[in-house]
């Protein structure tokens, strides 16, 4: 079956009925199945958070920065597939120096900064040319925004600073078999992926909620 486009209020993953966690034949797995159900609900919007500073999303017409009622399925919105219906690449700040300089969330430690095992590319960009990013440096009397990344992403194709670090939202089916995660293998486990987003968007997931979300993602 072809994935269907998203509709407002529609859960993007509908793999498990509410009866999934009950039934005499499955009593020994009730707790595990209940966790998976909770994880699916979290993914589908049971937990909402503000999405801020995502180039390719927050700067799209009518979205705004922040977007106050985001959820996992805001960007992973293809029905039971998990990629993005628009196919527009997004920049969340994996493997680059942007997080410390993002507006309106400046400061702090990048959740997944560049690592020494990958090459580091530096770009001198016109001030204001990268959405939600400002890192001014002066070179030969000219001021630029210095952007550093292990992978230029869509910017390598378009040649535009605005596209640096942008990547397509991936399909999530079969996710657990594709470690390490993100374009540069920055996250070793699904727990690392969930932890990144929890920090990046200040979601406030509890340890149990993170475990539930990981358990759900592992079943895809």
Protein backbone atom coordinates (compact mmCIF):
# COMPACT_ATOMS: atom_id res chain seq x y z
CA UNK A 1 0.00 0.00 0.00
CA UNK A 2 1.32 3.45 -0.91
CA UNK A 3 1.86 5.82 2.05
CA UNK A 4 -0.88 8.41 2.36
CA UNK A 5 -0.29 12.14 2.82
CA UNK A 6 -0.84 13.59 6.29
CA UNK A 7 -4.10 15.16 7.36
CA UNK A 8 -4.56 17.46 10.38
CA UNK A 9 -4.94 15.50 13.60
CA UNK A 10 -4.23 12.17 11.91
CA UNK A 11 -1.91 9.75 13.76
CA UNK A 12 0.95 8.97 11.40
CA UNK A 13 1.61 5.49 12.79
CA UNK A 14 -1.38 3.22 13.29
CA UNK A 15 0.36 -0.14 13.58
CA UNK A 16 -0.98 -1.27 16.94
CA UNK A 17 -4.62 -1.41 18.13
CA UNK A 18 -5.41 -0.62 21.75
CA UNK A 19 -5.89 -4.36 22.33
CA UNK A 20 -2.24 -4.99 21.44
CA UNK A 21 -1.16 -5.11 25.10
CA UNK A 22 -3.94 -7.36 26.41
CA UNK A 23 -5.09 -10.92 25.95
CA UNK A 24 -4.35 -14.19 27.77
CA UNK A 25 -1.91 -15.37 25.12
CA UNK A 26 0.30 -12.35 25.66
CA UNK A 27 0.22 -11.86 29.43
CA UNK A 28 3.96 -12.48 29.70
CA UNK A 29 4.57 -9.56 27.31
CA UNK A 30 1.92 -7.18 28.61
CA UNK A 31 4.40 -4.65 30.04
CA UNK A 32 6.52 -4.65 26.89
CA UNK A 33 3.51 -4.25 24.61
CA UNK A 34 2.06 -1.50 26.78
CA UNK A 35 5.36 0.36 26.47
CA UNK A 36 5.25 0.06 22.67
CA UNK A 37 1.70 1.44 22.64
CA UNK A 38 2.75 4.38 24.81
CA UNK A 39 5.70 5.01 22.51
CA UNK A 40 3.44 5.06 19.45
CA UNK A 41 1.15 7.54 21.22
CA UNK A 42 4.10 9.79 22.08
CA UNK A 43 5.26 9.69 18.47
CA UNK A 44 1.76 10.56 17.27
CA UNK A 45 1.49 13.66 19.44
CA UNK A 46 0.64 12.61 23.00
CA UNK A 47 3.68 14.70 23.94
CA UNK A 48 4.00 18.07 22.21
CA UNK A 49 6.85 20.56 22.24
CA UNK A 50 8.01 23.76 20.57
CA UNK A 51 10.01 23.23 17.37
CA UNK A 52 12.57 26.00 17.06
CA UNK A 53 15.38 26.92 14.72
CA UNK A 54 14.84 24.22 12.08
CA UNK A 55 15.79 25.54 8.66
CA UNK A 56 13.43 24.18 6.02
CA UNK A 57 10.58 24.01 8.54
CA UNK A 58 10.30 27.02 10.83
CA UNK A 59 11.04 29.40 7.96
CA UNK A 60 8.36 27.87 5.71
CA UNK A 61 5.35 30.12 5.00
CA UNK A 62 2.80 30.10 7.81
CA UNK A 63 4.82 27.95 10.24
CA UNK A 64 6.58 30.43 12.49
CA UNK A 65 9.48 30.16 14.90
CA UNK A 66 8.81 28.65 17.32
CA UNK A 67 6.14 26.27 16.10
CA UNK A 68 4.46 25.68 19.48
CA UNK A 69 2.60 22.39 19.03
CA UNK A 70 5.18 20.13 17.43
CA UNK A 71 5.51 16.38 17.84
CA UNK A 72 7.59 13.59 16.35
CA UNK A 73 5.01 13.16 13.59
CA UNK A 74 5.15 16.84 12.63
CA UNK A 75 8.15 16.10 10.41
CA UNK A 76 7.87 12.30 10.23
CA UNK A 77 4.39 12.62 8.78
CA UNK A 78 3.99 10.02 6.02
CA UNK A 79 1.41 7.47 7.06
CA UNK A 80 3.10 4.37 8.54
CA UNK A 81 6.35 5.22 6.75
CA UNK A 82 7.73 8.10 8.77
CA UNK A 83 9.43 10.28 6.19
CA UNK A 84 8.28 13.81 5.34
CA UNK A 85 5.49 14.39 2.84
CA UNK A 86 7.00 17.60 1.49
CA UNK A 87 10.48 16.07 0.92
CA UNK A 88 11.98 19.49 1.77
CA UNK A 89 15.32 18.93 3.52
CA UNK A 90 15.56 20.10 7.13
CA UNK A 91 18.42 21.30 9.33
CA UNK A 92 18.31 20.17 12.96
CA UNK A 93 21.97 20.77 13.81
CA UNK A 94 23.56 17.30 13.82
CA UNK A 95 27.34 17.27 13.42
CA UNK A 96 27.83 21.02 13.09
CA UNK A 97 28.46 24.11 15.19
CA UNK A 98 25.01 25.61 14.76
CA UNK A 99 23.36 24.68 18.05
CA UNK A 100 25.52 26.99 20.14
CA UNK A 101 24.64 29.91 17.89
CA UNK A 102 21.02 29.17 16.96
CA UNK A 103 18.37 31.77 17.57
CA UNK A 104 16.26 31.89 19.67
CA UNK A 105 18.12 29.17 21.62
CA UNK A 106 21.70 30.48 21.85
CA UNK A 107 24.32 29.01 24.11
CA UNK A 108 24.66 25.53 25.53
CA UNK A 109 26.53 22.47 24.36
CA UNK A 110 25.67 20.95 20.96
CA UNK A 111 23.84 17.64 21.59
CA UNK A 112 25.69 15.94 18.71
CA UNK A 113 28.67 18.14 17.79
CA UNK A 114 31.25 17.41 15.07
CA UNK A 115 33.43 14.40 15.88
CA UNK A 116 37.18 14.07 15.21
CA UNK A 117 36.78 10.94 13.08
CA UNK A 118 35.11 12.92 10.26
CA UNK A 119 36.44 15.80 8.17
CA UNK A 120 35.33 19.27 9.23
CA UNK A 121 34.25 21.69 6.52
CA UNK A 122 34.23 25.44 7.19
CA UNK A 123 32.11 27.92 5.24
CA UNK A 124 32.24 31.71 5.32
CA UNK A 125 28.71 32.85 4.59
CA UNK A 126 27.08 36.23 4.25
CA UNK A 127 25.60 37.36 7.59
CA UNK A 128 21.98 36.27 7.88
CA UNK A 129 22.16 33.84 4.96
CA UNK A 130 21.70 30.75 7.20
CA UNK A 131 18.28 30.60 8.92
CA UNK A 132 18.45 30.87 12.73
CA UNK A 133 22.25 31.02 12.76
CA UNK A 134 24.71 33.78 13.51
CA UNK A 135 28.41 33.22 14.19
CA UNK A 136 30.19 36.37 13.00
CA UNK A 137 33.91 36.35 12.24
CA UNK A 138 36.01 38.95 10.45
CA UNK A 139 38.34 37.90 7.66
CA UNK A 140 40.41 40.55 5.85
CA UNK A 141 38.08 43.23 7.08
CA UNK A 142 34.87 41.48 5.94
CA UNK A 143 32.35 39.97 8.35
CA UNK A 144 31.00 36.50 7.66
CA UNK A 145 29.03 33.84 9.54
CA UNK A 146 31.38 30.88 10.12
CA UNK A 147 29.55 27.58 9.70
CA UNK A 148 31.40 24.34 10.49
CA UNK A 149 30.01 20.90 9.69
CA UNK A 150 31.04 17.32 9.01
CA UNK A 151 28.62 17.18 6.06
CA UNK A 152 27.36 20.15 4.01
CA UNK A 153 24.18 18.27 3.15
CA UNK A 154 21.88 19.89 0.58
CA UNK A 155 24.21 22.90 0.47
CA UNK A 156 26.74 20.79 -1.43
CA UNK A 157 24.14 20.40 -4.20
CA UNK A 158 22.59 23.88 -4.28
CA UNK A 159 25.71 25.87 -3.44
CA UNK A 160 23.62 27.97 -1.03
CA UNK A 161 24.63 28.69 2.56
CA UNK A 162 20.95 28.51 3.50
CA UNK A 163 21.00 24.78 2.63
CA UNK A 164 24.09 23.81 4.63
CA UNK A 165 23.40 20.91 6.98
CA UNK A 166 19.96 20.20 5.54
CA UNK A 167 18.90 16.59 4.92
CA UNK A 168 15.76 14.80 3.84
CA UNK A 169 13.65 13.33 6.62
CA UNK A 170 14.27 9.56 6.35
CA UNK A 171 11.78 6.71 6.18
CA UNK A 172 11.58 5.09 9.62
CA UNK A 173 10.50 1.57 8.68
CA UNK A 174 13.28 -0.90 9.49
CA UNK A 175 14.99 1.80 11.54
CA UNK A 176 16.43 -0.51 14.20
CA UNK A 177 18.50 -2.42 11.63
CA UNK A 178 20.29 0.68 10.34
CA UNK A 179 22.54 1.75 13.23
CA UNK A 180 24.44 3.99 13.62
CA UNK A 181 21.96 6.78 12.98
CA UNK A 182 21.88 10.20 11.32
CA UNK A 183 23.72 11.00 8.10
CA UNK A 184 27.17 10.75 9.69
CA UNK A 185 26.50 7.90 12.10
CA UNK A 186 26.57 10.37 15.00
CA UNK A 187 24.16 8.35 17.16
CA UNK A 188 25.13 4.80 18.06
CA UNK A 189 21.71 3.72 19.28
CA UNK A 190 18.05 4.68 19.13
CA UNK A 191 18.38 5.81 22.72
CA UNK A 192 21.00 8.30 21.52
CA UNK A 193 18.59 9.50 18.81
CA UNK A 194 15.77 10.03 21.30
CA UNK A 195 18.15 11.70 23.75
CA UNK A 196 19.33 14.08 21.02
CA UNK A 197 15.83 15.26 20.16
CA UNK A 198 14.90 15.46 23.83
CA UNK A 199 17.82 17.86 24.37
CA UNK A 200 17.58 19.65 21.03
CA UNK A 201 13.94 20.66 21.49
CA UNK A 202 13.86 20.65 25.30
CA UNK A 203 10.98 18.18 25.20
CA UNK A 204 11.29 17.06 28.81
CA UNK A 205 10.69 13.35 28.22
CA UNK A 206 11.03 11.23 31.34
CA UNK A 207 13.28 8.16 31.37
CA UNK A 208 10.17 5.97 30.99
CA UNK A 209 8.85 8.01 28.07
CA UNK A 210 12.21 7.80 26.33
CA UNK A 211 12.23 4.02 26.86
CA UNK A 212 8.67 3.77 25.49
CA UNK A 213 9.61 5.75 22.38
CA UNK A 214 12.73 3.62 21.83
CA UNK A 215 10.69 0.42 22.24
CA UNK A 216 8.20 1.64 19.64
CA UNK A 217 10.90 2.69 17.15
CA UNK A 218 12.55 -0.71 17.55
CA UNK A 219 9.39 -2.39 16.20
CA UNK A 220 9.25 -0.44 12.95
